[in-house]
Protein backbone atom coordinates (compact mmCIF):
# COMPACT_ATOMS: atom_id res chain seq x y z
CA MET A 1 28.88 12.35 -28.88
CA GLU A 2 25.38 12.55 -30.43
CA ALA A 3 22.89 13.24 -27.74
CA SER A 4 19.48 14.34 -29.04
CA THR A 5 15.98 14.38 -27.73
CA GLY A 6 12.55 14.26 -28.94
CA ASN A 7 9.25 12.63 -28.87
CA ILE A 8 9.17 9.41 -30.79
CA GLY A 9 5.92 7.91 -31.90
CA SER A 10 2.42 8.36 -33.43
CA GLU A 11 2.56 11.69 -32.22
CA ARG A 12 6.01 13.02 -33.18
CA SER A 13 7.97 16.27 -32.78
CA GLN A 14 11.27 16.60 -34.44
CA PRO A 15 14.41 15.77 -32.29
CA ALA A 16 16.42 18.48 -30.96
CA LEU A 17 19.95 18.78 -29.80
CA LEU A 18 20.60 17.99 -26.16
CA SER A 19 23.04 20.42 -24.51
CA THR A 20 24.15 21.36 -20.99
CA HIS A 21 23.42 24.78 -19.80
CA SER A 22 26.37 26.13 -20.97
CA GLY A 23 26.41 24.58 -24.40
CA ASP A 24 27.29 21.41 -26.01
CA ILE A 25 29.86 19.25 -24.26
CA ASP A 26 33.51 18.94 -25.56
CA TRP A 27 34.23 15.40 -24.55
CA THR A 28 38.36 16.21 -24.76
CA ALA A 29 38.38 19.05 -22.65
CA LEU A 30 36.61 18.12 -19.23
CA THR A 31 38.78 18.73 -16.33
CA CYS A 32 38.39 18.52 -12.63
CA ARG A 33 38.21 22.19 -11.58
CA VAL A 34 38.15 21.45 -7.89
CA SER A 35 41.81 21.61 -7.36
CA CYS A 36 44.22 20.05 -10.19
CA GLY A 37 42.54 21.27 -13.41
CA SER A 38 43.76 17.96 -15.14
CA MET A 39 42.68 14.70 -16.16
CA ARG A 40 44.35 12.71 -13.49
CA ALA A 41 43.74 9.17 -12.91
CA ASP A 42 42.78 10.16 -9.09
CA CYS A 43 40.40 12.51 -10.44
CA LEU A 44 38.46 10.27 -12.97
CA ARG A 45 35.33 9.97 -10.80
CA VAL A 46 35.10 13.49 -10.34
CA VAL A 47 35.44 14.52 -13.93
CA VAL A 48 33.13 11.71 -15.24
CA GLY A 49 30.80 11.72 -12.31
CA GLU A 50 30.11 15.62 -12.01
CA ALA A 51 31.85 17.67 -14.72
CA ILE A 52 29.47 16.49 -17.27
CA ALA A 53 26.47 16.89 -15.38
CA SER A 54 27.26 20.42 -13.87
CA ASP A 55 29.04 22.32 -16.75
CA GLY A 56 32.47 21.41 -15.64
CA LEU A 57 32.12 22.45 -11.88
CA CYS A 58 32.22 19.75 -9.35
CA ASP A 59 29.70 19.93 -6.36
CA GLY A 60 30.76 17.72 -3.69
CA LEU A 61 29.95 14.54 -5.57
CA SER A 62 33.63 13.39 -5.19
CA ALA A 63 35.09 10.10 -4.81
CA ARG A 64 34.85 10.14 -1.39
CA SER A 65 31.03 10.99 -1.40
CA ARG A 66 29.92 9.69 -4.96
CA ALA A 67 26.47 8.75 -3.53
CA GLY A 68 25.71 12.28 -3.02
CA PRO A 69 22.60 14.33 -1.64
CA VAL A 70 19.11 13.71 -2.78
CA LEU A 71 18.38 16.72 -5.01
CA HIS A 72 14.88 17.59 -6.21
CA HIS A 73 13.83 19.16 -9.26
CA ARG A 74 12.67 22.68 -8.29
CA SER A 75 11.12 23.68 -11.22
CA PHE A 76 8.00 21.15 -10.50
CA PRO A 77 5.96 21.52 -7.52
CA ARG A 78 6.65 19.03 -4.73
CA ASP A 79 3.76 16.72 -5.42
CA ILE A 80 5.27 16.20 -9.07
CA VAL A 81 7.96 13.66 -9.08
CA LYS A 82 10.71 13.75 -11.73
CA ILE A 83 11.72 10.14 -12.84
CA VAL A 84 14.55 9.36 -15.27
CA ILE A 85 14.46 5.98 -16.75
CA ALA A 86 17.39 4.73 -18.31
CA ALA A 87 16.23 2.14 -21.10
CA TRP A 88 19.07 0.55 -22.62
CA HIS A 89 17.43 -2.79 -23.39
CA LEU A 90 15.11 -2.18 -26.34
CA LYS A 91 16.43 -3.81 -29.20
CA ASN A 92 15.36 -7.71 -28.63
CA LEU A 93 11.63 -7.78 -27.39
CA ASN A 94 12.25 -11.63 -27.51
CA VAL A 95 14.01 -11.12 -24.15
CA GLY A 96 12.36 -10.47 -21.08
CA ILE A 97 14.25 -7.29 -20.00
CA GLY A 98 13.48 -5.82 -23.43
CA ARG A 99 9.87 -6.37 -23.43
CA TYR A 100 9.57 -5.19 -19.95
CA ALA A 101 11.14 -1.69 -20.46
CA ARG A 102 9.08 -0.98 -23.54
CA GLU A 103 5.85 -2.01 -22.23
CA LEU A 104 6.61 -0.37 -18.79
CA ILE A 105 7.26 2.85 -20.38
CA GLU A 106 4.19 2.84 -22.56
CA ALA A 107 1.94 2.03 -19.77
CA LEU A 108 3.40 4.94 -17.39
CA GLY A 109 2.38 7.21 -20.16
CA ARG A 110 -0.98 5.94 -20.09
CA VAL A 111 -1.60 5.63 -16.45
CA ASP A 112 0.40 8.75 -15.07
CA ARG A 113 -0.29 12.04 -16.44
CA THR A 114 0.97 13.91 -13.38
CA ASN A 115 4.56 13.11 -12.81
CA ARG A 116 7.59 14.22 -14.96
CA TYR A 117 9.44 11.37 -16.87
CA GLU A 118 13.08 11.75 -18.75
CA ILE A 119 13.21 8.41 -20.96
CA LEU A 120 16.86 8.01 -21.83
CA ILE A 121 17.40 5.54 -25.04
CA PRO A 122 20.53 4.81 -26.72
CA HIS A 123 18.89 4.80 -30.09
CA ALA A 124 15.76 5.67 -32.08
CA GLU A 125 14.89 2.86 -33.79
CA HIS A 126 11.89 1.92 -31.40
CA PRO A 127 9.34 5.01 -31.41
CA PHE A 128 7.46 5.70 -28.39
CA THR A 129 4.05 7.35 -28.07
CA ALA A 130 4.47 11.05 -27.39
CA ARG A 131 3.14 12.17 -23.99
CA PRO A 132 2.91 15.69 -22.65
CA ASN A 133 4.68 14.67 -19.40
CA MET A 134 7.47 12.55 -20.92
CA ARG A 135 10.54 13.61 -22.83
CA TYR A 136 12.39 11.10 -24.71
CA ARG A 137 16.08 11.42 -25.21
CA VAL A 138 18.42 9.77 -27.48
CA ILE A 139 22.04 9.76 -26.19
CA ARG A 140 24.73 8.26 -27.98
CA PHE A 141 28.42 7.96 -27.37
CA PRO A 142 30.64 6.88 -30.40
CA LEU A 143 33.18 4.80 -28.79
CA PHE A 144 31.64 3.59 -25.56
CA ARG A 145 29.02 0.77 -24.94
CA ARG A 146 26.44 -0.01 -22.03
CA ARG A 147 28.58 0.23 -19.10
CA PHE A 148 29.77 3.88 -20.21
CA TRP A 149 26.41 4.91 -21.25
CA GLU A 150 24.54 3.90 -18.20
CA GLN A 151 26.89 5.88 -15.98
CA VAL A 152 27.18 9.17 -17.97
CA ALA A 153 23.49 9.28 -19.71
CA PRO A 154 21.64 10.04 -16.08
CA LEU A 155 24.08 12.80 -15.41
CA LEU A 156 23.08 14.87 -18.37
CA VAL A 157 19.50 15.62 -17.18
CA GLY A 158 20.51 17.17 -14.08
CA PRO A 159 18.80 16.43 -10.60
CA TYR A 160 15.77 14.06 -10.31
CA ASP A 161 13.85 12.47 -7.60
CA VAL A 162 14.12 8.94 -8.75
CA LEU A 163 16.41 7.43 -11.49
CA HIS A 164 15.32 3.88 -12.61
CA PHE A 165 17.16 1.24 -14.37
CA PRO A 166 14.56 -1.40 -15.57
CA TYR A 167 17.30 -4.17 -15.64
CA ASP A 168 19.76 -5.39 -13.28
CA SER A 169 22.72 -2.50 -12.94
CA CYS A 170 24.04 0.13 -10.78
CA VAL A 171 25.27 3.53 -11.03
CA ALA A 172 28.32 5.37 -9.20
CA TRP A 173 26.85 8.58 -8.98
CA LYS A 174 23.58 9.44 -7.52
CA ARG A 175 21.46 12.73 -7.83
CA GLY A 176 18.51 11.40 -6.32
CA THR A 177 17.11 7.84 -5.27
CA PHE A 178 18.13 4.98 -7.22
CA VAL A 179 15.90 2.07 -7.94
CA ALA A 180 16.92 -0.93 -10.48
CA THR A 181 14.59 -3.79 -11.66
CA ILE A 182 16.26 -7.11 -10.83
CA HIS A 183 14.10 -9.76 -12.89
CA ASP A 184 15.69 -12.65 -11.01
CA VAL A 185 18.82 -14.09 -9.34
CA LYS A 186 19.98 -16.60 -12.01
CA PRO A 187 23.70 -15.37 -11.75
CA LEU A 188 23.65 -16.12 -7.84
CA LEU A 189 22.16 -19.79 -8.49
CA PHE A 190 23.76 -20.99 -11.65
CA ARG A 191 27.49 -20.76 -12.10
CA ALA A 192 27.21 -20.86 -15.73
CA LEU A 193 25.42 -17.88 -16.02
CA ARG A 194 27.67 -15.54 -14.13
CA ALA A 195 29.36 -12.96 -16.01
CA ARG A 196 33.14 -13.27 -16.69
CA THR A 197 35.54 -10.95 -15.21
CA ASN A 198 36.88 -8.32 -17.87
CA LEU A 199 38.14 -5.15 -18.04
CA ASN A 200 34.85 -3.61 -18.15
CA SER A 201 33.60 -5.42 -15.29
CA ARG A 202 36.67 -4.38 -13.18
CA ILE A 203 36.06 -0.69 -14.15
CA GLU A 204 32.68 -1.00 -13.10
CA ARG A 205 33.28 -2.69 -9.89
CA TRP A 206 36.02 0.08 -9.06
CA LEU A 207 33.57 2.72 -10.10
CA VAL A 208 30.36 1.49 -8.29
CA GLY A 209 32.10 -0.50 -5.41
CA ASP A 210 29.47 -2.30 -3.42
CA ARG A 211 26.32 -2.10 -5.78
CA TRP A 212 24.17 -3.34 -2.87
CA LYS A 213 25.01 -0.28 -0.95
CA GLN A 214 24.22 1.72 -3.79
CA LEU A 215 20.97 0.28 -4.49
CA ASP A 216 18.20 2.50 -2.55
CA HIS A 217 15.32 0.19 -3.68
CA VAL A 218 14.87 -2.92 -5.81
CA ILE A 219 11.64 -3.73 -7.77
CA THR A 220 11.11 -7.42 -8.79
CA ILE A 221 8.50 -9.34 -10.85
CA SER A 222 7.47 -12.10 -8.65
CA GLU A 223 6.97 -13.03 -5.03
CA HIS A 224 9.34 -15.90 -5.74
CA SER A 225 11.98 -13.54 -6.79
CA ARG A 226 11.51 -11.36 -3.90
CA ARG A 227 12.20 -14.24 -1.80
CA ASP A 228 15.35 -15.42 -3.56
CA LEU A 229 16.64 -11.76 -3.42
CA LEU A 230 16.08 -11.73 0.24
CA ASP A 231 17.91 -15.05 0.41
CA HIS A 232 20.95 -14.44 -1.44
CA THR A 233 21.69 -10.75 -1.17
CA PRO A 234 21.98 -8.35 1.81
CA LEU A 235 19.11 -6.43 0.81
CA ARG A 236 16.19 -5.82 3.70
CA PRO A 237 12.37 -6.76 3.20
CA ASP A 238 11.63 -2.94 3.01
CA GLN A 239 14.04 -2.46 0.28
CA VAL A 240 12.43 -5.05 -2.45
CA SER A 241 9.00 -4.23 -4.04
CA VAL A 242 6.99 -6.67 -6.35
CA THR A 243 5.09 -5.49 -9.26
CA PRO A 244 4.10 -8.46 -11.42
CA LEU A 245 4.45 -8.19 -15.32
CA GLY A 246 1.69 -7.77 -17.53
CA LEU A 247 0.14 -8.65 -21.01
CA ASP A 248 -0.71 -6.83 -24.05
CA ALA A 249 -4.13 -7.96 -24.62
CA ASP A 250 -4.49 -6.11 -27.93
CA ARG A 251 -1.42 -8.03 -29.30
CA PHE A 252 -1.67 -11.11 -27.41
CA ARG A 253 -5.17 -12.56 -28.06
CA PRO A 254 -6.96 -15.41 -29.24
CA ALA A 255 -7.07 -15.70 -33.63
CA SER A 256 -10.24 -14.80 -35.33
CA GLU A 257 -9.77 -17.68 -37.57
CA ARG A 258 -9.29 -21.72 -37.27
CA PRO A 259 -5.62 -22.70 -37.45
CA GLU A 260 -4.43 -23.79 -40.78
CA GLY A 261 -1.65 -26.23 -41.93
CA ARG A 262 0.05 -29.02 -39.72
CA PRO A 263 -0.89 -28.96 -36.02
CA TYR A 264 2.15 -28.28 -33.83
CA VAL A 265 3.67 -28.16 -30.35
CA PHE A 266 5.46 -24.67 -29.66
CA CYS A 267 7.94 -23.31 -27.55
CA VAL A 268 9.58 -20.10 -27.58
CA ALA A 269 13.05 -19.46 -25.38
CA GLY A 270 16.29 -17.71 -25.25
CA ALA A 271 19.60 -19.52 -25.40
CA ASP A 272 19.97 -19.46 -21.66
CA PRO A 273 20.46 -23.28 -20.64
CA THR A 274 18.18 -22.79 -17.87
CA LYS A 275 15.18 -22.60 -20.43
CA ASN A 276 15.66 -26.61 -20.51
CA VAL A 277 14.40 -26.95 -24.07
CA GLY A 278 16.39 -30.13 -24.56
CA SER A 279 13.93 -31.88 -22.06
CA LEU A 280 11.22 -30.85 -24.63
CA VAL A 281 12.85 -32.39 -27.53
CA GLU A 282 13.26 -35.64 -25.43
CA ALA A 283 9.74 -35.48 -24.76
CA PHE A 284 8.67 -35.01 -28.08
CA ALA A 285 10.73 -37.76 -29.26
CA LYS A 286 9.01 -40.18 -26.62
CA LEU A 287 5.47 -39.33 -27.94
CA PRO A 288 3.60 -42.23 -29.22
CA GLU A 289 4.21 -42.74 -33.10
CA ALA A 290 0.66 -41.64 -34.02
CA LEU A 291 1.11 -38.32 -32.23
CA ARG A 292 4.63 -37.87 -33.72
CA ARG A 293 3.03 -38.52 -37.27
CA ASP A 294 0.35 -36.29 -36.85
CA TYR A 295 2.31 -33.16 -35.05
CA GLU A 296 5.41 -30.92 -35.50
CA LEU A 297 7.77 -29.42 -32.76
CA VAL A 298 8.22 -25.74 -33.50
CA LEU A 299 10.88 -23.70 -31.49
CA ALA A 300 11.46 -19.96 -31.72
CA GLY A 301 14.01 -17.57 -30.04
CA ASP A 302 17.56 -17.72 -29.65
CA VAL A 303 17.51 -21.12 -28.54
CA CYS A 304 17.66 -22.24 -32.14
CA ARG A 305 21.21 -21.16 -32.13
CA ARG A 306 22.16 -23.64 -29.47
CA ALA A 307 24.30 -26.52 -31.00
CA ASP A 308 23.36 -28.97 -28.61
CA ILE A 309 19.74 -28.48 -29.08
CA ARG A 310 20.21 -29.02 -32.81
CA ALA A 311 22.51 -32.12 -32.04
CA ALA A 312 19.82 -33.64 -29.90
CA ILE A 313 17.05 -33.18 -32.41
CA GLU A 314 19.29 -35.03 -34.79
CA ARG A 315 20.46 -37.97 -32.33
CA LEU A 316 16.58 -38.31 -31.67
CA GLN A 317 15.74 -38.53 -35.32
CA ILE A 318 12.96 -36.04 -35.27
CA GLY A 319 14.72 -33.40 -37.52
CA ALA A 320 12.11 -34.03 -40.26
CA LYS A 321 9.27 -33.14 -37.67
CA THR A 322 11.02 -30.22 -36.01
CA LYS A 323 11.25 -26.40 -37.15
CA LEU A 324 13.69 -23.84 -35.78
CA VAL A 325 12.00 -20.37 -36.92
CA GLY A 326 14.85 -18.39 -34.54
CA GLN A 327 13.63 -14.74 -33.58
CA VAL A 328 10.43 -13.61 -34.30
CA SER A 329 8.58 -10.31 -34.53
CA ASP A 330 5.63 -9.57 -31.81
CA ALA A 331 2.94 -10.52 -34.78
CA GLU A 332 4.54 -13.40 -35.68
CA LEU A 333 5.12 -14.74 -31.99
CA ALA A 334 1.22 -13.87 -31.63
CA ARG A 335 0.32 -16.25 -34.63
CA TYR A 336 2.51 -19.05 -33.28
CA TYR A 337 0.96 -18.72 -30.04
CA GLN A 338 -2.82 -18.68 -31.63
CA GLN A 339 -1.95 -21.67 -34.22
CA ALA A 340 -0.33 -24.01 -31.68
CA THR A 341 -2.12 -27.00 -30.30
CA VAL A 342 -0.09 -26.54 -26.96
CA PHE A 343 2.63 -24.29 -25.43
CA VAL A 344 5.16 -26.19 -23.65
CA PHE A 345 7.58 -24.19 -21.37
CA PRO A 346 9.91 -26.33 -19.41
CA SER A 347 12.21 -23.83 -17.75
CA LEU A 348 14.11 -24.84 -14.55
CA TYR A 349 13.85 -21.00 -13.39
CA GLU A 350 12.09 -17.89 -14.04
CA GLY A 351 11.67 -14.58 -12.45
CA PHE A 352 8.22 -14.37 -13.96
CA GLY A 353 7.61 -16.45 -17.11
CA LEU A 354 6.17 -14.04 -19.45
CA PRO A 355 5.57 -16.78 -22.41
CA VAL A 356 3.28 -18.54 -20.27
CA LEU A 357 0.81 -15.45 -19.69
CA GLU A 358 1.29 -14.52 -23.44
CA ALA A 359 0.34 -18.24 -24.90
CA MET A 360 -2.62 -17.99 -22.45
CA GLY A 361 -3.83 -14.45 -23.76
CA CYS A 362 -3.68 -16.15 -27.28
CA GLY A 363 -5.79 -18.95 -26.16
CA CYS A 364 -3.04 -21.65 -26.21
CA PRO A 365 -3.32 -24.43 -23.66
CA VAL A 366 -0.19 -24.38 -21.64
CA ILE A 367 2.19 -27.08 -20.03
CA CYS A 368 4.81 -25.52 -18.10
CA SER A 369 7.33 -26.31 -15.27
CA ASN A 370 6.28 -26.35 -11.60
CA ALA A 371 9.50 -24.45 -10.84
CA SER A 372 10.40 -21.12 -9.37
CA SER A 373 7.91 -18.31 -10.39
CA LEU A 374 5.76 -20.43 -12.97
CA PRO A 375 3.20 -22.01 -10.54
CA GLU A 376 2.69 -18.37 -9.08
CA VAL A 377 2.07 -17.18 -12.75
CA ALA A 378 0.18 -20.06 -14.18
CA GLY A 379 -2.04 -20.56 -11.14
CA ASP A 380 -4.58 -23.41 -12.09
CA ALA A 381 -4.55 -22.60 -15.83
CA ALA A 382 -1.88 -24.87 -16.88
CA VAL A 383 -0.49 -28.38 -16.58
CA LEU A 384 2.64 -28.55 -14.38
CA VAL A 385 5.39 -30.94 -14.44
CA ASP A 386 8.79 -31.57 -13.09
CA PRO A 387 11.10 -29.90 -15.69
CA ARG A 388 13.94 -32.38 -15.21
CA ASP A 389 11.40 -35.57 -15.56
CA SER A 390 11.21 -35.60 -19.61
CA ASP A 391 9.14 -38.89 -19.02
CA GLN A 392 6.55 -36.99 -17.14
CA LEU A 393 6.62 -34.34 -19.48
CA ALA A 394 5.94 -36.81 -22.46
CA MET A 395 3.01 -38.29 -20.47
CA GLU A 396 1.37 -34.82 -19.89
CA LEU A 397 1.98 -33.72 -23.35
CA THR A 398 0.45 -37.05 -24.80
CA ARG A 399 -2.61 -36.34 -22.65
CA VAL A 400 -3.01 -32.62 -23.70
CA LEU A 401 -2.64 -33.87 -27.36
CA ALA A 402 -5.22 -36.50 -27.17
CA SER A 403 -7.99 -34.75 -25.46
CA SER A 404 -9.84 -32.11 -26.99
CA SER A 405 -11.90 -31.43 -24.03
CA LEU A 406 -8.71 -31.08 -21.78
CA ARG A 407 -7.42 -28.41 -24.22
CA ASP A 408 -10.73 -26.79 -24.20
CA GLU A 409 -10.66 -26.66 -20.54
CA LEU A 410 -7.05 -25.23 -20.43
CA GLN A 411 -7.79 -22.45 -22.80
CA ALA A 412 -10.88 -21.20 -20.95
CA ARG A 413 -8.79 -21.09 -17.60
CA GLY A 414 -5.82 -19.57 -19.49
CA SER A 415 -7.76 -16.83 -20.78
CA ALA A 416 -9.38 -16.12 -17.48
CA ARG A 417 -5.71 -15.95 -15.83
CA ALA A 418 -4.22 -13.93 -18.50
CA GLY A 419 -7.17 -11.45 -17.72
CA GLN A 420 -5.77 -10.89 -14.42
CA PHE A 421 -2.24 -9.30 -15.72
CA SER A 422 -2.20 -5.95 -17.67
CA TRP A 423 0.99 -3.37 -18.14
CA ASP A 424 -1.51 -0.70 -16.79
CA ARG A 425 -1.54 -2.40 -13.40
CA THR A 426 2.13 -3.06 -13.50
CA ALA A 427 2.71 0.82 -14.32
CA ALA A 428 0.46 1.92 -11.47
CA GLU A 429 2.26 -0.31 -9.11
CA THR A 430 5.51 1.09 -10.28
CA VAL A 431 4.28 4.64 -9.81
CA ALA A 432 3.37 3.86 -6.21
CA VAL A 433 6.96 2.57 -5.53
CA TYR A 434 8.38 6.01 -7.18
CA ARG A 435 6.04 8.20 -5.10
CA ARG A 436 6.80 6.30 -1.72
CA LEU A 437 10.71 6.70 -2.35
CA ALA A 438 10.30 10.18 -3.58
CA GLY A 439 8.82 10.69 0.01
């Protein structure tokens, strides 16, 4: 194992080796020292769950009581909360959970100078700003992936008040209160999105047991997602808090210069079929000939890898008018928003719908779905359509493209709407959840 820690950012300190109180961990020699002194299968939970975190000595968090007591970080005054954030998903910022983790951690550093944070990350490719009350720990395991990492990494930092997974997963062993951010319940609503059962998922289920009993609290990102969680899971109303997402107004802002080149309709989306990009492709093909001659359709994100989307473009004979640009950087994404005539987001289901907010922040008129959380996010600042009706989408797209006054009105409303959301607000509301859970 390689495990290191360091502040990684504009103000940097050199990474240092992360070790336990008794020195570096020998991963081949860990044994349960309570009774058998061996690596028996029936001791696995004790070995992985506690020997790592307590220098080889189990302290009662056995398979029979894996939830364990809530232990406080005694070196801090009791009005200071120790929070551990396991930030696995950081690589792809075009995906919502990656952007959420990154932006939340940075904003927590800006708004909370009191509490103490341990930020666990699996790689150092994405630096964070150095903060006096934040320690960034790069923890790597040579042979194991996410499920192993998220079970073991939090045990290396000792007791804490709150452990936060900023994505939907669960732990088997807790040394404090455990909270996860569940962005949406798509896997419960769409059979095609349910994870396939494999060896890793079986091991996780064996270790964790009933995940809904292990979760102490859930953060979600819209009132719509909260209602879905309460409707489709055994969570109680007092176990679910809403902290809406934010917008980086320094990055997603209107362009300082006029758009150049051929005008275009823009959409960014992942490969998830609920993004419903096929409906946009069909609607674009139904535009009046004059508009199809003047405008292009630009698609960004993993949706560009979808064979069915490429096939639809060819079938509808709009290949010459369509650009598939794939994954893009933040700077490129902002430019695509800024230069677009209109942004279209026909998703069937969103936990929040961050691209809608980003487009508004960049001064781009928005047409989006009237489904799930999107009306909640867009308010009166977008044209809402039935995502399953490509004829209606084509009609509204024609109306927006043909009317500069309507586009100006949508721009003004969108800018005002985007100004109501910030990552600092998200972070402040998240800190309030941490404090409430820590008691």
